């Protein structure tokens, strides 16, 4: 699945129906209307955020907190490894070299 899809600009050729309590529907519609959104707009935002997060865009329960933390640590570790691998293959720089590249050397 394309993770770069934009829900707003993507062609809308599929339909989705669901049953909901009328009172819940009215309450939610009122909440979204105060923000200038329709129920469809809000649902599309939810879908886009789900795509961006590659899952639910919020914690559904306290039990999910540990999962989200583990997922964040895994992503962090992967980024650190990518940086380490890049430095290993491209050569390490000294602090003086970094400062010189950034124009931060003693003046």
C-alpha atoms as a PDB file:
ATOM      1  CA  UNK A   1       0.000   0.000   0.000  1.00  0.00           C
ATOM      2  CA  UNK A   2       1.218   3.492  -0.833  1.00  0.00           C
ATOM      3  CA  UNK A   3       2.066   5.261   2.433  1.00  0.00           C
ATOM      4  CA  UNK A   4       2.407   8.578   0.578  1.00  0.00           C
ATOM      5  CA  UNK A   5      -1.263   8.749  -0.366  1.00  0.00           C
ATOM      6  CA  UNK A   6      -3.033  12.032   0.334  1.00  0.00           C
ATOM      7  CA  UNK A   7      -6.616  11.376   1.412  1.00  0.00           C
ATOM      8  CA  UNK A   8      -7.709  14.891   0.456  1.00  0.00           C
ATOM      9  CA  UNK A   9      -6.532  14.734  -3.157  1.00  0.00           C
ATOM     10  CA  UNK A  10      -6.975  10.996  -3.832  1.00  0.00           C
ATOM     11  CA  UNK A  11      -9.851  10.036  -6.148  1.00  0.00           C
ATOM     12  CA  UNK A  12     -12.946   9.074  -4.204  1.00  0.00           C
ATOM     13  CA  UNK A  13     -14.391   6.026  -5.921  1.00  0.00           C
ATOM     14  CA  UNK A  14     -15.204   3.708  -2.977  1.00  0.00           C
ATOM     15  CA  UNK A  15     -18.020   4.020  -0.462  1.00  0.00           C
ATOM     16  CA  UNK A  16     -18.145   3.184   3.229  1.00  0.00           C
ATOM     17  CA  UNK A  17     -21.251   2.759   5.339  1.00  0.00           C
ATOM     18  CA  UNK A  18     -21.649   2.137   9.039  1.00  0.00           C
ATOM     19  CA  UNK A  19     -24.385   2.035  11.622  1.00  0.00           C
ATOM     20  CA  UNK A  20     -24.179   4.431  14.546  1.00  0.00           C
ATOM     21  CA  UNK A  21     -26.450   5.494  17.370  1.00  0.00           C
ATOM     22  CA  UNK A  22     -28.347   8.622  16.208  1.00  0.00           C
ATOM     23  CA  UNK A  23     -27.552  10.514  19.429  1.00  0.00           C
ATOM     24  CA  UNK A  24     -23.847   9.727  19.113  1.00  0.00           C
ATOM     25  CA  UNK A  25     -23.924  10.789  15.464  1.00  0.00           C
ATOM     26  CA  UNK A  26     -25.600  14.112  16.286  1.00  0.00           C
ATOM     27  CA  UNK A  27     -23.199  14.812  19.152  1.00  0.00           C
ATOM     28  CA  UNK A  28     -20.158  14.104  17.006  1.00  0.00           C
ATOM     29  CA  UNK A  29     -21.532  16.102  14.064  1.00  0.00           C
ATOM     30  CA  UNK A  30     -22.052  19.073  16.413  1.00  0.00           C
ATOM     31  CA  UNK A  31     -18.484  18.777  17.720  1.00  0.00           C
ATOM     32  CA  UNK A  32     -17.029  18.683  14.205  1.00  0.00           C
ATOM     33  CA  UNK A  33     -19.339  21.454  12.956  1.00  0.00           C
ATOM     34  CA  UNK A  34     -17.924  23.787  15.629  1.00  0.00           C
ATOM     35  CA  UNK A  35     -14.548  23.214  13.966  1.00  0.00           C
ATOM     36  CA  UNK A  36     -15.941  23.731  10.469  1.00  0.00           C
ATOM     37  CA  UNK A  37     -15.800  20.034   9.586  1.00  0.00           C
ATOM     38  CA  UNK A  38     -18.337  17.559   8.346  1.00  0.00           C
ATOM     39  CA  UNK A  39     -18.384  13.973   9.558  1.00  0.00           C
ATOM     40  CA  UNK A  40     -16.809  12.997   6.211  1.00  0.00           C
ATOM     41  CA  UNK A  41     -14.036  15.589   6.653  1.00  0.00           C
ATOM     42  CA  UNK A  42     -13.297  14.326  10.161  1.00  0.00           C
ATOM     43  CA  UNK A  43     -13.275  10.698   9.056  1.00  0.00           C
ATOM     44  CA  UNK A  44     -10.918  11.529   6.185  1.00  0.00           C
ATOM     45  CA  UNK A  45      -8.592  13.253   8.672  1.00  0.00           C
ATOM     46  CA  UNK A  46      -8.711  10.127  10.835  1.00  0.00           C
ATOM     47  CA  UNK A  47      -7.859   7.976   7.802  1.00  0.00           C
ATOM     48  CA  UNK A  48      -4.949  10.255   6.788  1.00  0.00           C
ATOM     49  CA  UNK A  49      -3.546  10.251  10.322  1.00  0.00           C
ATOM     50  CA  UNK A  50      -3.869   6.453  10.422  1.00  0.00           C
ATOM     51  CA  UNK A  51      -1.832   6.250   7.220  1.00  0.00           C
ATOM     52  CA  UNK A  52       0.743   8.700   8.601  1.00  0.00           C
ATOM     53  CA  UNK A  53       1.029   6.754  11.879  1.00  0.00           C
ATOM     54  CA  UNK A  54       0.831   3.356  10.179  1.00  0.00           C
ATOM     55  CA  UNK A  55      -1.808   2.447  12.757  1.00  0.00           C
ATOM     56  CA  UNK A  56      -4.236   4.164  15.061  1.00  0.00           C
ATOM     57  CA  UNK A  57      -3.308   7.843  15.352  1.00  0.00           C
ATOM     58  CA  UNK A  58      -3.867   7.749  19.125  1.00  0.00           C
ATOM     59  CA  UNK A  59      -3.525   5.394  22.055  1.00  0.00           C
ATOM     60  CA  UNK A  60      -6.683   3.349  22.340  1.00  0.00           C
ATOM     61  CA  UNK A  61      -5.934   2.098  25.851  1.00  0.00           C
ATOM     62  CA  UNK A  62      -3.222   2.136  28.501  1.00  0.00           C
ATOM     63  CA  UNK A  63      -2.088  -1.305  27.309  1.00  0.00           C
ATOM     64  CA  UNK A  64      -1.133   0.238  23.963  1.00  0.00           C
ATOM     65  CA  UNK A  65       1.284   2.663  25.620  1.00  0.00           C
ATOM     66  CA  UNK A  66       3.924  -0.053  26.018  1.00  0.00           C
ATOM     67  CA  UNK A  67       3.498  -1.081  22.377  1.00  0.00           C
ATOM     68  CA  UNK A  68       3.840   2.500  21.151  1.00  0.00           C
ATOM     69  CA  UNK A  69       6.919   3.032  23.325  1.00  0.00           C
ATOM     70  CA  UNK A  70       8.506  -0.162  22.000  1.00  0.00           C
ATOM     71  CA  UNK A  71       7.686   0.892  18.429  1.00  0.00           C
ATOM     72  CA  UNK A  72       9.245   4.327  19.003  1.00  0.00           C
ATOM     73  CA  UNK A  73      12.400   2.780  20.489  1.00  0.00           C
ATOM     74  CA  UNK A  74      12.656   0.381  17.547  1.00  0.00           C
ATOM     75  CA  UNK A  75      12.394   3.272  15.092  1.00  0.00           C
ATOM     76  CA  UNK A  76      14.932   5.288  17.109  1.00  0.00           C
ATOM     77  CA  UNK A  77      17.373   2.362  17.168  1.00  0.00           C
ATOM     78  CA  UNK A  78      17.007   1.937  13.404  1.00  0.00           C
ATOM     79  CA  UNK A  79      17.777   5.632  12.846  1.00  0.00           C
ATOM     80  CA  UNK A  80      20.817   5.461  15.124  1.00  0.00           C
ATOM     81  CA  UNK A  81      22.036   2.379  13.257  1.00  0.00           C
ATOM     82  CA  UNK A  82      21.538   4.148   9.914  1.00  0.00           C
ATOM     83  CA  UNK A  83      23.642   7.063  11.159  1.00  0.00           C
ATOM     84  CA  UNK A  84      26.318   4.737  12.505  1.00  0.00           C
ATOM     85  CA  UNK A  85      26.447   2.761   9.256  1.00  0.00           C
ATOM     86  CA  UNK A  86      26.701   5.992   7.269  1.00  0.00           C
ATOM     87  CA  UNK A  87      29.596   7.187   9.410  1.00  0.00           C
ATOM     88  CA  UNK A  88      31.338   3.826   9.130  1.00  0.00           C
ATOM     89  CA  UNK A  89      31.090   3.775   5.338  1.00  0.00           C
ATOM     90  CA  UNK A  90      31.778   7.471   4.795  1.00  0.00           C
ATOM     91  CA  UNK A  91      34.420   7.935   7.448  1.00  0.00           C
ATOM     92  CA  UNK A  92      34.137   9.568  10.834  1.00  0.00           C
ATOM     93  CA  UNK A  93      34.695  13.306  11.157  1.00  0.00           C
ATOM     94  CA  UNK A  94      36.525  14.987  13.987  1.00  0.00           C
ATOM     95  CA  UNK A  95      34.792  17.772  15.901  1.00  0.00           C
ATOM     96  CA  UNK A  96      37.181  20.265  14.281  1.00  0.00           C
ATOM     97  CA  UNK A  97      36.104  19.044  10.821  1.00  0.00           C
ATOM     98  CA  UNK A  98      32.413  19.368  11.724  1.00  0.00           C
ATOM     99  CA  UNK A  99      32.931  22.874  13.113  1.00  0.00           C
ATOM    100  CA  UNK A 100      34.856  23.876   9.980  1.00  0.00           C
ATOM    101  CA  UNK A 101      32.106  22.507   7.712  1.00  0.00           C
ATOM    102  CA  UNK A 102      29.517  24.468   9.677  1.00  0.00           C
ATOM    103  CA  UNK A 103      31.648  27.611   9.825  1.00  0.00           C
ATOM    104  CA  UNK A 104      31.852  27.436  13.608  1.00  0.00           C
ATOM    105  CA  UNK A 105      35.629  27.460  13.989  1.00  0.00           C
ATOM    106  CA  UNK A 106      37.514  29.931  16.179  1.00  0.00           C
ATOM    107  CA  UNK A 107      37.599  33.381  14.687  1.00  0.00           C
END
